[in-house]
Amino acid sequence: MKPSLLVLAAGMGSRYGGDKQLDKVGPEGQTIIDYSIFDAARSGFGKILFVIRRDIEEQFKSSFMKPLEGKVDIDYVFQDLDDLPKDYTPSPERVKPWGTSHAILVAREKIREPFGVINSDDYYGVDSFRVLHDFLVNDKDDNNYCIIGYKMGNTLSDHGHVNRGVCEVDKNGNLVHIVETRMIEKRPDGIYAPGERGREIEFTGNEIVSMNLFGFKPSCFKYLEEEFINFIERSAGDPRAELDIPTSLDVYVKKGEINIEVLMTEERWFGVTYREDRPFVVSSLQEKVDKGIYPEKLW
């Protein structure tokens, strides 16, 4: 069975404004996710499963379901606030999605095979999907997962701060520790993020980071649900609290219950974190078309 690809597309897009996953940035009006689907399909992935909000369902159908009908196997699930483990209900103040760990959990009834996870608004590069596919096809350990690792310097925006999962990796290329690091910013004098007690953390740009490009086996749902229940109990009463994937994984890496291989890529990320990023995304995709990496018309 071919591995599937889970596309996380339920984020609010608060920094960018609007539904950035539907922004047309390619030469023929393609979105970033169109290129990711194209790369996934030619790398050997089968089903493409989207996680979306109910309020963008019709727009999603017209933008993706209809154009891709007959070309790829595509489906979707909703990330609903009340899709919670038994005996739990959301607070009335909760309006934000529960985070990326929950976004994976809502797909648990539709995935029975190894699968990749991506963000809908990030460009990952052709090589990244090939590396991910090969891992999912060839690795047979149910509790061995992977992260496609990027150099931090290849993942920054020129127009504001970003959040990245900063990875500590052992000599064998396995994840030791991952920290979701927020507000990483590129400045003329270096790369910085807020630290403890008002001090800043300085980075070299060579640090390994996660861009939410993961390879999982179905066994992950058990761990993610267990940690999500712990999260709900810890954060009760906070209507804005979210549980991200790196935080969930780090718990079980430390316990030794799962292993995560960090598979490096030299690809350069780009995305529409901010509206000011858009011209660079448009020109970068056009350049890749000009170089023959993509056809002008994908399908």
Protein backbone atom coordinates (compact mmCIF):
# COMPACT_ATOMS: atom_id res chain seq x y z
CA MET A 1 0.00 0.00 0.00
CA LYS A 2 1.29 3.45 -0.88
CA PRO A 3 1.87 5.89 1.98
CA SER A 4 -0.64 8.69 2.39
CA LEU A 5 -0.06 12.40 2.91
CA LEU A 6 -1.89 14.39 5.59
CA VAL A 7 -2.11 18.11 4.84
CA LEU A 8 -2.70 20.43 7.81
CA ALA A 9 -4.87 23.23 6.42
CA ALA A 10 -7.06 24.30 9.35
CA GLY A 11 -4.86 27.12 10.70
CA MET A 12 -6.33 30.57 10.99
CA GLY A 13 -3.49 32.28 9.11
CA SER A 14 -3.53 35.15 11.60
CA ARG A 15 -0.11 36.57 10.76
CA TYR A 16 -0.70 36.48 7.01
CA GLY A 17 -4.36 37.44 6.94
CA GLY A 18 -7.06 35.47 5.13
CA ASP A 19 -6.90 31.87 3.96
CA LYS A 20 -3.29 31.78 2.86
CA GLN A 21 -3.46 28.12 1.83
CA LEU A 22 -5.74 29.23 -1.04
CA ASP A 23 -3.52 32.08 -2.25
CA LYS A 24 -2.62 31.71 -5.94
CA VAL A 25 1.14 32.15 -6.23
CA GLY A 26 2.12 29.94 -9.21
CA PRO A 27 2.36 31.08 -12.86
CA GLU A 28 -0.95 29.36 -13.70
CA GLY A 29 -2.67 30.36 -10.47
CA GLN A 30 -1.42 27.42 -8.42
CA THR A 31 -1.24 27.46 -4.63
CA ILE A 32 1.78 26.27 -2.67
CA ILE A 33 -0.12 23.12 -1.77
CA ASP A 34 -0.64 22.36 -5.47
CA TYR A 35 3.13 22.01 -5.75
CA SER A 36 3.32 19.85 -2.62
CA ILE A 37 0.61 17.54 -3.97
CA PHE A 38 2.42 17.35 -7.31
CA ASP A 39 5.72 16.51 -5.58
CA ALA A 40 4.04 13.94 -3.34
CA ALA A 41 2.30 12.23 -6.26
CA ARG A 42 5.43 11.96 -8.37
CA SER A 43 7.38 10.69 -5.35
CA GLY A 44 4.92 7.79 -4.93
CA PHE A 45 2.37 8.89 -2.32
CA GLY A 46 -1.18 7.64 -2.75
CA LYS A 47 -4.07 9.26 -0.88
CA ILE A 48 -3.93 12.97 -0.05
CA LEU A 49 -6.00 13.75 3.06
CA PHE A 50 -6.66 17.36 4.08
CA VAL A 51 -7.52 18.64 7.56
CA ILE A 52 -9.70 21.73 7.11
CA ARG A 53 -12.15 24.01 8.90
CA ARG A 54 -15.84 23.71 8.12
CA ASP A 55 -16.08 27.36 7.10
CA ILE A 56 -13.72 26.85 4.13
CA GLU A 57 -15.24 23.57 2.94
CA GLU A 58 -16.92 24.91 -0.20
CA GLN A 59 -13.91 26.97 -1.18
CA PHE A 60 -11.68 23.96 -0.58
CA LYS A 61 -13.85 21.76 -2.79
CA SER A 62 -13.77 24.25 -5.66
CA SER A 63 -10.03 24.91 -5.28
CA PHE A 64 -8.79 21.33 -4.81
CA MET A 65 -11.39 18.57 -5.01
CA LYS A 66 -12.82 19.54 -8.37
CA PRO A 67 -9.55 20.45 -10.19
CA LEU A 68 -7.78 17.30 -8.94
CA GLU A 69 -10.63 14.87 -9.53
CA GLY A 70 -9.32 11.86 -11.43
CA LYS A 71 -5.70 12.95 -11.00
CA VAL A 72 -5.04 12.10 -7.34
CA ASP A 73 -6.97 10.32 -4.59
CA ILE A 74 -8.04 13.24 -2.40
CA ASP A 75 -10.24 13.44 0.70
CA TYR A 76 -10.71 15.67 3.74
CA VAL A 77 -11.65 15.70 7.41
CA PHE A 78 -12.70 18.55 9.68
CA GLN A 79 -10.76 19.76 12.68
CA ASP A 80 -13.69 20.42 14.99
CA LEU A 81 -13.31 21.86 18.46
CA ASP A 82 -15.53 19.15 19.92
CA ASP A 83 -13.62 16.24 18.33
CA LEU A 84 -12.19 15.25 21.69
CA PRO A 85 -11.50 12.05 23.63
CA LYS A 86 -14.46 10.64 25.55
CA ASP A 87 -15.73 12.65 28.53
CA TYR A 88 -14.09 15.91 27.43
CA THR A 89 -15.87 18.99 26.08
CA PRO A 90 -14.42 22.33 24.91
CA SER A 91 -14.94 25.45 26.98
CA PRO A 92 -17.45 27.98 25.57
CA GLU A 93 -14.58 30.48 25.11
CA ARG A 94 -12.59 28.18 22.83
CA VAL A 95 -12.58 29.41 19.21
CA LYS A 96 -9.05 28.51 18.07
CA PRO A 97 -8.17 25.00 16.83
CA TRP A 98 -6.42 22.83 19.41
CA GLY A 99 -3.11 22.77 17.55
CA THR A 100 -1.23 20.53 15.15
CA SER A 101 -1.24 17.42 17.36
CA HIS A 102 -5.02 17.53 17.42
CA ALA A 103 -5.05 18.10 13.64
CA ILE A 104 -3.35 14.73 13.18
CA LEU A 105 -5.70 13.05 15.64
CA VAL A 106 -8.84 14.05 13.72
CA ALA A 107 -7.60 11.89 10.82
CA ARG A 108 -7.26 8.74 12.92
CA GLU A 109 -10.32 7.01 11.41
CA LYS A 110 -9.15 7.52 7.82
CA ILE A 111 -5.51 6.43 7.99
CA ARG A 112 -4.39 2.82 8.34
CA GLU A 113 -1.04 3.04 6.55
CA PRO A 114 2.27 4.90 7.01
CA PHE A 115 1.77 8.58 6.27
CA GLY A 116 3.51 11.90 5.94
CA VAL A 117 2.39 15.18 7.48
CA ILE A 118 2.88 18.64 5.98
CA ASN A 119 1.68 22.19 6.47
CA SER A 120 -0.48 23.53 3.66
CA ASP A 121 1.31 26.86 3.33
CA ASP A 122 4.96 25.73 3.31
CA TYR A 123 7.01 24.88 0.24
CA TYR A 124 9.20 21.88 1.10
CA GLY A 125 10.99 20.99 -2.14
CA VAL A 126 11.09 17.93 -4.38
CA ASP A 127 13.90 16.15 -2.54
CA SER A 128 12.09 16.34 0.79
CA PHE A 129 9.12 14.35 -0.49
CA ARG A 130 11.37 11.71 -2.06
CA VAL A 131 13.27 11.23 1.20
CA LEU A 132 10.02 11.04 3.18
CA HIS A 133 8.42 8.55 0.78
CA ASP A 134 11.45 6.26 0.79
CA PHE A 135 11.49 6.16 4.59
CA LEU A 136 7.78 5.33 4.83
CA VAL A 137 8.06 2.55 2.24
CA ASN A 138 11.24 0.94 3.53
CA ASP A 139 11.13 1.30 7.33
CA LYS A 140 9.22 -1.52 9.01
CA ASP A 141 9.48 -0.55 12.70
CA ASP A 142 6.02 0.56 13.86
CA ASN A 143 7.45 2.91 16.49
CA ASN A 144 10.16 4.44 14.30
CA TYR A 145 9.14 7.77 12.77
CA CYS A 146 11.03 10.50 10.95
CA ILE A 147 11.44 14.24 10.64
CA ILE A 148 12.79 15.86 7.51
CA GLY A 149 15.36 18.26 8.93
CA TYR A 150 16.25 21.65 7.48
CA LYS A 151 19.04 24.05 8.32
CA MET A 152 17.48 26.92 10.23
CA GLY A 153 19.05 29.46 7.89
CA ASN A 154 17.10 27.91 5.00
CA THR A 155 13.75 28.40 6.74
CA LEU A 156 13.51 32.05 7.77
CA SER A 157 11.34 34.92 6.59
CA ASP A 158 12.76 38.35 5.77
CA HIS A 159 9.58 39.97 7.05
CA GLY A 160 9.09 38.83 10.62
CA HIS A 161 9.52 36.10 13.18
CA VAL A 162 8.74 32.40 12.70
CA ASN A 163 8.28 29.37 14.95
CA ARG A 164 10.47 26.31 14.42
CA GLY A 165 11.03 22.99 16.16
CA VAL A 166 14.74 23.11 17.00
CA CYS A 167 16.21 19.60 17.07
CA GLU A 168 19.01 18.03 19.07
CA VAL A 169 20.29 14.99 17.17
CA ASP A 170 22.64 12.21 18.28
CA LYS A 171 25.61 10.86 16.32
CA ASN A 172 23.37 8.27 14.64
CA GLY A 173 20.96 10.88 13.30
CA ASN A 174 18.21 10.16 15.82
CA LEU A 175 16.24 12.83 17.64
CA VAL A 176 17.26 13.42 21.25
CA HIS A 177 15.18 16.49 22.01
CA ILE A 178 12.96 18.92 20.11
CA VAL A 179 11.85 22.32 21.35
CA GLU A 180 9.17 24.41 19.67
CA THR A 181 11.02 27.73 19.59
CA ARG A 182 8.90 30.79 18.97
CA MET A 183 9.59 34.20 17.45
CA ILE A 184 12.85 33.31 15.68
CA GLU A 185 13.86 36.40 13.75
CA LYS A 186 16.51 37.13 11.13
CA ARG A 187 18.18 40.50 11.64
CA PRO A 188 21.12 42.24 9.94
CA ASP A 189 23.41 41.16 12.80
CA GLY A 190 22.21 37.57 13.21
CA ILE A 191 19.37 35.22 14.10
CA TYR A 192 17.66 35.58 17.48
CA ALA A 193 14.73 34.40 19.57
CA PRO A 194 13.49 35.44 23.02
CA GLY A 195 15.02 33.43 25.85
CA GLU A 196 14.47 33.17 29.57
CA ARG A 197 14.69 36.15 31.94
CA GLY A 198 14.71 38.66 29.11
CA ARG A 199 17.83 37.24 27.48
CA GLU A 200 17.95 36.46 23.78
CA ILE A 201 19.03 33.19 22.22
CA GLU A 202 21.43 33.61 19.31
CA PHE A 203 21.54 31.04 16.50
CA THR A 204 24.14 30.35 13.80
CA GLY A 205 21.65 29.32 11.12
CA ASN A 206 23.09 25.79 10.94
CA GLU A 207 20.80 24.41 13.64
CA ILE A 208 18.54 21.57 12.53
CA VAL A 209 14.86 22.49 12.58
CA SER A 210 11.58 20.78 11.87
CA MET A 211 9.14 22.33 9.42
CA ASN A 212 6.30 19.96 10.38
CA LEU A 213 7.35 17.52 7.66
CA PHE A 214 6.98 14.21 9.47
CA GLY A 215 6.76 10.54 8.65
CA PHE A 216 4.50 8.48 10.92
CA LYS A 217 3.08 5.00 11.33
CA PRO A 218 -0.51 4.47 12.58
CA SER A 219 0.90 3.68 16.03
CA CYS A 220 1.40 7.43 16.53
CA PHE A 221 -2.31 8.01 17.16
CA LYS A 222 -2.08 6.19 20.49
CA TYR A 223 0.73 8.44 21.70
CA LEU A 224 -0.78 11.65 20.36
CA GLU A 225 -4.14 10.95 21.99
CA GLU A 226 -2.55 10.12 25.33
CA GLU A 227 -0.55 13.35 25.37
CA PHE A 228 -3.53 15.36 24.13
CA ILE A 229 -5.56 14.19 27.13
CA ASN A 230 -2.69 15.25 29.40
CA PHE A 231 -2.63 18.61 27.63
CA ILE A 232 -6.36 19.19 28.12
CA GLU A 233 -6.03 18.46 31.82
CA ARG A 234 -2.99 20.75 32.16
CA SER A 235 -4.45 23.66 30.21
CA ALA A 236 -8.05 23.56 31.40
CA GLY A 237 -9.53 27.04 31.32
CA ASP A 238 -7.08 28.51 28.77
CA PRO A 239 -9.12 29.02 25.57
CA ARG A 240 -6.03 29.81 23.47
CA ALA A 241 -3.75 26.95 24.52
CA GLU A 242 -2.51 24.71 21.68
CA LEU A 243 -0.58 21.46 21.58
CA ASP A 244 1.97 21.26 18.78
CA ILE A 245 3.47 18.13 17.26
CA PRO A 246 7.07 18.66 18.53
CA THR A 247 5.90 18.99 22.14
CA SER A 248 3.92 15.74 21.90
CA LEU A 249 6.75 13.81 20.26
CA ASP A 250 9.37 15.03 22.71
CA VAL A 251 7.51 13.38 25.60
CA TYR A 252 7.74 9.91 24.06
CA VAL A 253 11.26 10.31 22.70
CA LYS A 254 12.41 11.06 26.25
CA LYS A 255 10.52 8.01 27.54
CA GLY A 256 12.18 5.84 24.91
CA GLU A 257 8.83 4.63 23.59
CA ILE A 258 9.42 5.96 20.07
CA ASN A 259 12.45 6.70 17.90
CA ILE A 260 12.58 9.52 15.38
CA GLU A 261 15.16 9.60 12.61
CA VAL A 262 16.15 13.08 11.44
CA LEU A 263 16.66 12.91 7.68
CA MET A 264 18.35 16.02 6.34
CA THR A 265 17.53 17.92 3.18
CA GLU A 266 19.37 20.81 1.55
CA GLU A 267 16.11 22.19 0.18
CA ARG A 268 15.28 25.81 0.92
CA TRP A 269 11.91 26.46 2.49
CA PHE A 270 9.68 29.32 1.53
CA GLY A 271 6.13 30.20 2.46
CA VAL A 272 3.58 32.93 2.99
CA THR A 273 3.95 33.53 6.71
CA TYR A 274 3.44 37.25 6.03
CA ARG A 275 1.90 39.08 3.09
CA GLU A 276 5.29 40.62 2.38
CA ASP A 277 6.64 37.10 1.70
CA ARG A 278 4.36 36.71 -1.30
CA PRO A 279 6.51 38.35 -4.03
CA PHE A 280 9.46 36.11 -3.12
CA VAL A 281 7.26 33.01 -3.24
CA VAL A 282 5.89 34.00 -6.66
CA SER A 283 9.36 34.66 -8.11
CA SER A 284 10.82 31.48 -6.58
CA LEU A 285 8.13 29.27 -8.11
CA GLN A 286 8.53 30.95 -11.48
CA GLU A 287 12.28 30.33 -11.29
CA LYS A 288 11.69 26.64 -10.61
CA VAL A 289 9.36 26.45 -13.60
CA ASP A 290 11.98 28.17 -15.77
CA LYS A 291 14.58 25.61 -14.63
CA GLY A 292 12.29 22.70 -15.54
CA ILE A 293 11.75 21.53 -11.97
CA TYR A 294 8.00 21.96 -12.56
CA PRO A 295 5.91 22.22 -15.70
CA GLU A 296 4.09 25.52 -16.07
CA LYS A 297 0.79 23.64 -15.84
CA LEU A 298 1.02 20.95 -13.17
CA TRP A 299 -1.83 18.67 -14.24
